[in-house]
Amino acid sequence: MVFNTVLKACANSGSAAEAAKWHGRMRAQGVRVNVKTFGKLVEASAKRGDLRTARDWFQRMSAEFEPNDVVIHTVMDAAAQAGLPEEAAAWLRKLEDVGLQPNGVSFGSVMHACARAGRPE
């Protein structure tokens, strides 16, 4: 419980490196991780604008857990912030591929990515 609270603080501040250190401590001490743990690691990277690392954490999470809509939306939003509409749309498809329904957040992220890229179509 305490570890995930620290990870949440790291995510809120965009401290991706610090979040990764805490994740390492959790693993070293045998603390069980879950989707929320990885969600905070993804979020910390996304807040820093580090889409590559956000993707990497998502992949690591997917090896252990079924992704949820919150984590997928976080990576989708990171792609939107980077102005990558094709990637944002790919994450929307990923949402559908794992059996989750897109919603207003999903479509809003893709539209935001198009706007950031200067492609309103």
Protein backbone atom coordinates (compact mmCIF):
# COMPACT_ATOMS: atom_id res chain seq x y z
CA MET A 1 0.00 0.00 0.00
CA VAL A 2 2.74 2.49 0.96
CA PHE A 3 4.72 1.74 -2.20
CA ASN A 4 1.78 2.48 -4.48
CA THR A 5 1.19 5.74 -2.61
CA VAL A 6 4.80 6.74 -3.26
CA LEU A 7 4.41 5.74 -6.92
CA LYS A 8 1.27 7.87 -7.11
CA ALA A 9 3.23 10.87 -5.81
CA CYS A 10 5.93 10.20 -8.40
CA ALA A 11 3.31 9.97 -11.14
CA ASN A 12 1.61 13.18 -10.02
CA SER A 13 4.92 15.04 -10.22
CA GLY A 14 6.12 13.34 -13.42
CA SER A 15 9.13 11.85 -11.60
CA ALA A 16 9.57 8.85 -13.88
CA ALA A 17 13.10 8.00 -12.75
CA GLU A 18 12.08 8.09 -9.09
CA ALA A 19 9.03 5.93 -9.84
CA ALA A 20 11.29 3.38 -11.57
CA LYS A 21 13.57 3.30 -8.51
CA TRP A 22 10.61 2.62 -6.22
CA HIS A 23 9.39 -0.11 -8.56
CA GLY A 24 12.83 -1.71 -8.31
CA ARG A 25 12.66 -1.56 -4.52
CA MET A 26 9.23 -3.17 -4.59
CA ARG A 27 10.51 -6.04 -6.72
CA ALA A 28 13.67 -6.44 -4.61
CA GLN A 29 11.58 -6.72 -1.45
CA GLY A 30 9.12 -9.16 -3.00
CA VAL A 31 6.20 -6.74 -2.87
CA ARG A 32 3.42 -7.81 -5.20
CA VAL A 33 2.73 -5.39 -7.99
CA ASN A 34 -0.53 -4.96 -9.87
CA VAL A 35 -2.05 -3.08 -12.79
CA LYS A 36 -2.29 0.09 -10.68
CA THR A 37 1.43 -0.13 -9.92
CA PHE A 38 2.26 -0.21 -13.61
CA GLY A 39 -0.37 2.43 -14.31
CA LYS A 40 1.52 4.86 -12.09
CA LEU A 41 4.79 4.03 -13.86
CA VAL A 42 3.15 4.67 -17.23
CA GLU A 43 1.61 7.89 -15.92
CA ALA A 44 4.91 9.21 -14.55
CA SER A 45 6.57 8.67 -17.93
CA ALA A 46 3.64 10.12 -19.84
CA LYS A 47 3.61 13.26 -17.70
CA ARG A 48 7.27 13.82 -18.57
CA GLY A 49 6.39 13.48 -22.24
CA ASP A 50 8.41 10.26 -22.46
CA LEU A 51 6.19 8.22 -24.73
CA ARG A 52 8.86 5.57 -25.37
CA THR A 53 9.21 4.76 -21.67
CA ALA A 54 5.44 4.86 -21.16
CA ARG A 55 5.15 2.27 -23.95
CA ASP A 56 7.90 0.18 -22.38
CA TRP A 57 6.14 0.13 -18.99
CA PHE A 58 2.90 -0.80 -20.75
CA GLN A 59 4.63 -3.74 -22.42
CA ARG A 60 6.12 -4.90 -19.13
CA MET A 61 2.69 -4.66 -17.50
CA SER A 62 1.07 -6.60 -20.35
CA ALA A 63 3.47 -9.49 -19.75
CA GLU A 64 1.99 -9.94 -16.28
CA PHE A 65 -1.50 -8.42 -16.32
CA GLU A 66 -4.42 -7.72 -18.59
CA PRO A 67 -4.33 -4.02 -19.44
CA ASN A 68 -7.19 -1.83 -18.35
CA ASP A 69 -8.70 1.22 -19.99
CA VAL A 70 -7.01 3.66 -17.62
CA VAL A 71 -3.50 2.54 -18.57
CA ILE A 72 -4.31 2.39 -22.28
CA HIS A 73 -5.83 5.88 -22.12
CA THR A 74 -2.71 7.15 -20.37
CA VAL A 75 -0.46 5.95 -23.20
CA MET A 76 -2.99 7.16 -25.76
CA ASP A 77 -2.93 10.61 -24.16
CA ALA A 78 0.88 10.62 -24.20
CA ALA A 79 0.73 9.95 -27.95
CA ALA A 80 -1.79 12.78 -28.28
CA GLN A 81 0.49 15.16 -26.35
CA ALA A 82 3.29 14.23 -28.73
CA GLY A 83 1.06 15.05 -31.70
CA LEU A 84 1.06 11.49 -33.04
CA PRO A 85 -2.48 10.82 -34.31
CA GLU A 86 -1.62 7.47 -35.92
CA GLU A 87 -0.20 6.19 -32.68
CA ALA A 88 -3.14 7.52 -30.66
CA ALA A 89 -5.48 5.72 -33.07
CA ALA A 90 -3.41 2.53 -32.70
CA TRP A 91 -3.94 2.70 -28.93
CA LEU A 92 -7.67 3.12 -29.54
CA ARG A 93 -7.55 -0.10 -31.56
CA LYS A 94 -5.55 -1.74 -28.75
CA LEU A 95 -8.37 -0.83 -26.39
CA GLU A 96 -10.81 -2.66 -28.66
CA ASP A 97 -8.39 -5.58 -29.16
CA VAL A 98 -8.39 -6.33 -25.43
CA GLY A 99 -12.19 -6.23 -25.34
CA LEU A 100 -12.67 -2.74 -23.89
CA GLN A 101 -15.02 -0.14 -25.29
CA PRO A 102 -13.74 3.22 -26.49
CA ASN A 103 -15.43 6.19 -24.88
CA GLY A 104 -15.32 9.98 -25.03
CA VAL A 105 -11.84 10.00 -23.50
CA SER A 106 -10.60 7.64 -26.21
CA PHE A 107 -11.96 9.64 -29.11
CA GLY A 108 -10.99 12.91 -27.46
CA SER A 109 -7.38 11.75 -27.24
CA VAL A 110 -7.29 10.89 -30.94
CA MET A 111 -8.86 14.25 -31.83
CA HIS A 112 -6.35 16.01 -29.57
CA ALA A 113 -3.49 14.20 -31.33
CA CYS A 114 -4.84 15.32 -34.71
CA ALA A 115 -5.12 18.91 -33.50
CA ARG A 116 -1.58 18.88 -32.07
CA ALA A 117 -0.29 17.53 -35.37
CA GLY A 118 -2.15 20.25 -37.30
CA ARG A 119 -4.36 17.66 -38.95
CA PRO A 120 -7.99 18.47 -38.13
CA GLU A 121 -9.31 15.75 -40.44
